[in-house]
Amino acid sequence: MNTESLWQIFISASLVNNFVLAYFLGICPFLGVSGKMETATKMGGAVTFVMLISSMCAYGIHALLVAINAPFLQLISYIVVIASTVQLVEMFIKKMSPALFRALGIFLPLITTNCAILGLALFQTSKSYGFVQSFVYALGAGAGFTLALVLIAGLREQLEFAEVPNVVKGTALTLLIAGILSLTFMGFSGLGS
C-alpha cells in the first residue's frame, strides 16, 4: 500500500501529473470537444464518471487476479470494464439529453478508447494504491481532465473574436495553445511533494 496522503494524490493527479497536459493522454477529446465550454464541461463530467467507475472496478479486478494468480488478464479485464462503463454512460446521456448526445458526437463512444482511462487503471495498480487512494486518484485525474478541457475551451471561445493570422488559424492555433498550457502546468511540478 502506498503511503501518500489523499491530498497529495489528488493534487498530483489533477495538476502536477495532469493526464492531458503532462502525460498527453486523452488528446482526442481534448482537441475535438474543446470548441465550446458547455460541451467541454459535460465531456469532462462523463470522462470523470467513467474514470471513477473504472478505477473502482480496476482495484477489485486487480485484487481478484492477484488472488487467483492470473495478473496476465489485467489489461483485457480493464478494457472490458471501461467499454461497459462507456456504454452505460452513452445510453444514459442519449436518454436524458439527446442534444448533448448529438453535441458530443463521435467523441462520446471514443471514451472507450481514451488512453487516459486505461492509463488511470494501470497507473493506480502500479502505484499500489488502496481502495480510497484509487478513488481519490480517479477523482483527481477526472478533475484535471475536466480542467484541461475547460481551459482550452475557454481560450478557444475567446479566440473566435480575436484577429488571428491565417497561418495559425484552426488546428495549428489549438495545438499551440495546448503546448503553452502544458508548459504552464509544468510549473506545478514541485507542488504536493
Protein backbone atom coordinates (compact mmCIF):
# COMPACT_ATOMS: atom_id res chain seq x y z
CA MET A 1 0.00 0.00 0.00
CA ASN A 2 1.23 3.44 -0.94
CA THR A 3 1.78 5.94 1.90
CA GLU A 4 0.98 9.18 0.04
CA SER A 5 -1.69 11.34 1.64
CA LEU A 6 -5.02 11.69 -0.13
CA TRP A 7 -4.37 15.37 -0.69
CA GLN A 8 -1.03 14.65 -2.38
CA ILE A 9 -2.65 12.03 -4.60
CA PHE A 10 -5.41 14.43 -5.68
CA ILE A 11 -3.06 17.36 -6.36
CA SER A 12 -0.63 15.10 -8.21
CA ALA A 13 -3.33 13.61 -10.46
CA SER A 14 -5.12 16.87 -11.19
CA LEU A 15 -2.30 19.41 -11.52
CA VAL A 16 1.23 18.04 -11.27
CA ASN A 17 0.74 14.93 -13.43
CA ASN A 18 -2.31 16.06 -15.37
CA PHE A 19 -3.25 13.25 -17.73
CA VAL A 20 -3.78 15.57 -20.71
CA LEU A 21 -1.19 18.28 -20.19
CA ALA A 22 1.64 16.27 -18.60
CA TYR A 23 1.16 12.69 -19.83
CA PHE A 24 -0.56 13.64 -23.13
CA LEU A 25 -3.25 11.02 -22.64
CA GLY A 26 -6.79 11.68 -23.84
CA ILE A 27 -5.78 14.15 -26.52
CA CYS A 28 -8.60 13.12 -28.91
CA PRO A 29 -11.48 14.55 -26.84
CA PHE A 30 -9.20 17.34 -25.62
CA LEU A 31 -8.84 18.64 -29.16
CA GLY A 32 -12.18 17.50 -30.55
CA VAL A 33 -14.69 18.59 -27.89
CA SER A 34 -12.98 21.70 -26.61
CA GLY A 35 -14.59 24.12 -29.05
CA LYS A 36 -17.41 25.12 -26.71
CA MET A 37 -17.36 25.49 -22.94
CA GLU A 38 -20.67 23.67 -22.43
CA THR A 39 -19.69 20.52 -24.31
CA ALA A 40 -16.20 20.54 -22.77
CA THR A 41 -17.65 20.64 -19.26
CA LYS A 42 -20.10 17.83 -19.93
CA MET A 43 -17.48 15.69 -21.64
CA GLY A 44 -15.21 16.24 -18.65
CA GLY A 45 -18.03 15.08 -16.38
CA ALA A 46 -18.62 11.97 -18.48
CA VAL A 47 -14.91 11.10 -18.53
CA THR A 48 -14.63 11.70 -14.78
CA PHE A 49 -17.57 9.38 -14.13
CA VAL A 50 -16.05 6.66 -16.33
CA MET A 51 -12.70 7.14 -14.58
CA LEU A 52 -14.27 6.73 -11.14
CA ILE A 53 -16.17 3.57 -12.06
CA SER A 54 -13.22 2.09 -13.96
CA SER A 55 -10.87 2.86 -11.10
CA MET A 56 -13.05 1.13 -8.53
CA CYS A 57 -13.52 -1.88 -10.79
CA ALA A 58 -9.81 -1.99 -11.62
CA TYR A 59 -8.99 -2.12 -7.93
CA GLY A 60 -11.31 -5.08 -7.43
CA ILE A 61 -10.18 -6.83 -10.60
CA HIS A 62 -6.53 -6.44 -9.66
CA ALA A 63 -7.15 -7.90 -6.20
CA LEU A 64 -9.07 -10.82 -7.71
CA LEU A 65 -6.47 -11.53 -10.39
CA VAL A 66 -3.65 -11.47 -7.86
CA ALA A 67 -5.64 -13.82 -5.60
CA ILE A 68 -6.15 -16.37 -8.39
CA ASN A 69 -2.61 -15.85 -9.72
CA ALA A 70 -3.72 -14.54 -13.13
CA PRO A 71 -2.32 -10.99 -13.39
CA PHE A 72 -1.78 -11.53 -17.13
CA LEU A 73 -5.55 -10.98 -17.60
CA GLN A 74 -5.34 -7.49 -16.12
CA LEU A 75 -5.24 -5.47 -19.35
CA ILE A 76 -8.08 -7.26 -21.11
CA SER A 77 -10.21 -7.11 -17.94
CA TYR A 78 -9.70 -3.36 -17.64
CA ILE A 79 -10.67 -2.85 -21.29
CA VAL A 80 -13.91 -4.82 -20.82
CA VAL A 81 -14.85 -2.76 -17.75
CA ILE A 82 -14.08 0.54 -19.49
CA ALA A 83 -16.07 -0.39 -22.59
CA SER A 84 -19.05 -1.49 -20.47
CA THR A 85 -19.00 1.69 -18.41
CA VAL A 86 -18.84 3.88 -21.51
CA GLN A 87 -21.82 2.06 -22.99
CA LEU A 88 -23.83 2.79 -19.84
CA VAL A 89 -22.83 6.47 -19.92
CA GLU A 90 -23.67 6.70 -23.61
CA MET A 91 -27.13 5.18 -23.11
CA PHE A 92 -27.78 7.46 -20.12
CA ILE A 93 -26.81 10.63 -21.99
CA LYS A 94 -28.77 9.60 -25.09
CA LYS A 95 -31.88 9.09 -22.97
CA MET A 96 -31.53 12.12 -20.68
CA SER A 97 -30.06 14.72 -23.05
CA PRO A 98 -30.32 13.99 -26.78
CA ALA A 99 -28.93 17.46 -27.56
CA LEU A 100 -25.78 16.77 -25.54
CA PHE A 101 -25.54 13.34 -27.16
CA ARG A 102 -25.53 14.98 -30.61
CA ALA A 103 -23.10 17.71 -29.47
CA LEU A 104 -20.55 15.20 -28.18
CA GLY A 105 -20.93 13.18 -31.37
CA ILE A 106 -18.33 10.53 -32.05
CA PHE A 107 -16.25 11.60 -29.07
CA LEU A 108 -18.65 10.02 -26.59
CA PRO A 109 -18.13 6.42 -27.77
CA LEU A 110 -14.45 7.23 -28.19
CA ILE A 111 -14.18 7.46 -24.39
CA THR A 112 -13.85 3.66 -24.66
CA THR A 113 -10.52 4.06 -26.43
CA ASN A 114 -9.44 7.03 -24.34
CA CYS A 115 -5.99 6.04 -23.18
CA ALA A 116 -6.32 8.32 -20.13
CA ILE A 117 -8.87 5.94 -18.62
CA LEU A 118 -6.82 2.82 -19.27
CA GLY A 119 -3.73 4.69 -18.09
CA LEU A 120 -5.52 5.55 -14.86
CA ALA A 121 -6.24 1.90 -14.13
CA LEU A 122 -2.70 0.83 -14.94
CA PHE A 123 -1.06 3.69 -13.02
CA GLN A 124 -3.08 3.12 -9.85
CA THR A 125 -2.25 -0.58 -9.96
CA SER A 126 1.45 0.06 -10.44
CA LYS A 127 1.44 2.58 -7.57
CA SER A 128 -0.19 0.01 -5.22
CA TYR A 129 -2.99 2.36 -4.20
CA GLY A 130 -5.63 1.14 -1.76
CA PHE A 131 -9.36 1.49 -2.44
CA VAL A 132 -9.75 5.03 -1.06
CA GLN A 133 -6.49 6.15 -2.65
CA SER A 134 -7.66 4.77 -6.01
CA PHE A 135 -10.93 6.67 -5.68
CA VAL A 136 -9.11 9.95 -4.88
CA TYR A 137 -6.64 9.33 -7.72
CA ALA A 138 -9.52 8.84 -10.18
CA LEU A 139 -11.30 11.91 -8.85
CA GLY A 140 -8.12 13.98 -9.22
CA ALA A 141 -7.44 12.65 -12.71
CA GLY A 142 -11.03 13.43 -13.74
CA ALA A 143 -10.82 16.90 -12.24
CA GLY A 144 -7.55 17.52 -14.07
CA PHE A 145 -9.00 16.23 -17.34
CA THR A 146 -12.05 18.48 -16.95
CA LEU A 147 -9.85 21.43 -16.00
CA ALA A 148 -7.74 20.97 -19.14
CA LEU A 149 -10.86 20.74 -21.33
CA VAL A 150 -12.47 23.80 -19.76
CA LEU A 151 -9.27 25.86 -20.00
CA ILE A 152 -8.74 25.20 -23.67
CA ALA A 153 -12.46 25.58 -24.45
CA GLY A 154 -12.49 28.99 -22.77
CA LEU A 155 -9.42 30.08 -24.67
CA ARG A 156 -10.80 28.80 -27.98
CA GLU A 157 -14.11 30.61 -27.41
CA GLN A 158 -12.25 33.86 -26.72
CA LEU A 159 -10.07 33.42 -29.80
CA GLU A 160 -13.14 33.29 -32.04
CA PHE A 161 -13.41 37.05 -31.55
CA ALA A 162 -9.71 37.81 -31.97
CA GLU A 163 -7.85 38.64 -35.13
CA VAL A 164 -5.57 35.69 -35.71
CA PRO A 165 -3.12 35.42 -38.63
CA ASN A 166 -4.20 32.88 -41.26
CA VAL A 167 -1.00 30.92 -40.72
CA VAL A 168 -2.05 29.76 -37.25
CA LYS A 169 -5.84 29.55 -37.56
CA GLY A 170 -7.61 26.33 -36.67
CA THR A 171 -5.73 23.26 -35.55
CA ALA A 172 -2.33 24.95 -35.50
CA LEU A 173 -3.53 27.54 -33.00
CA THR A 174 -5.23 24.89 -30.87
CA LEU A 175 -2.02 22.86 -30.70
CA LEU A 176 -0.03 25.98 -29.90
CA ILE A 177 -2.39 26.81 -27.02
CA ALA A 178 -2.23 23.21 -25.80
CA GLY A 179 1.56 23.38 -25.75
CA ILE A 180 1.53 26.63 -23.78
CA LEU A 181 -1.00 25.18 -21.32
CA SER A 182 1.24 22.14 -20.93
CA LEU A 183 4.21 24.37 -20.15
CA THR A 184 2.21 26.29 -17.55
CA PHE A 185 1.20 23.04 -15.84
CA MET A 186 4.88 22.13 -15.56
CA GLY A 187 5.03 24.94 -13.00
CA PHE A 188 3.09 22.68 -10.63
CA SER A 189 5.85 20.06 -10.67
CA GLY A 190 7.09 20.87 -7.14
CA LEU A 191 3.61 21.00 -5.64
CA GLY A 192 2.42 18.16 -3.44
CA SER A 193 5.75 16.51 -2.80
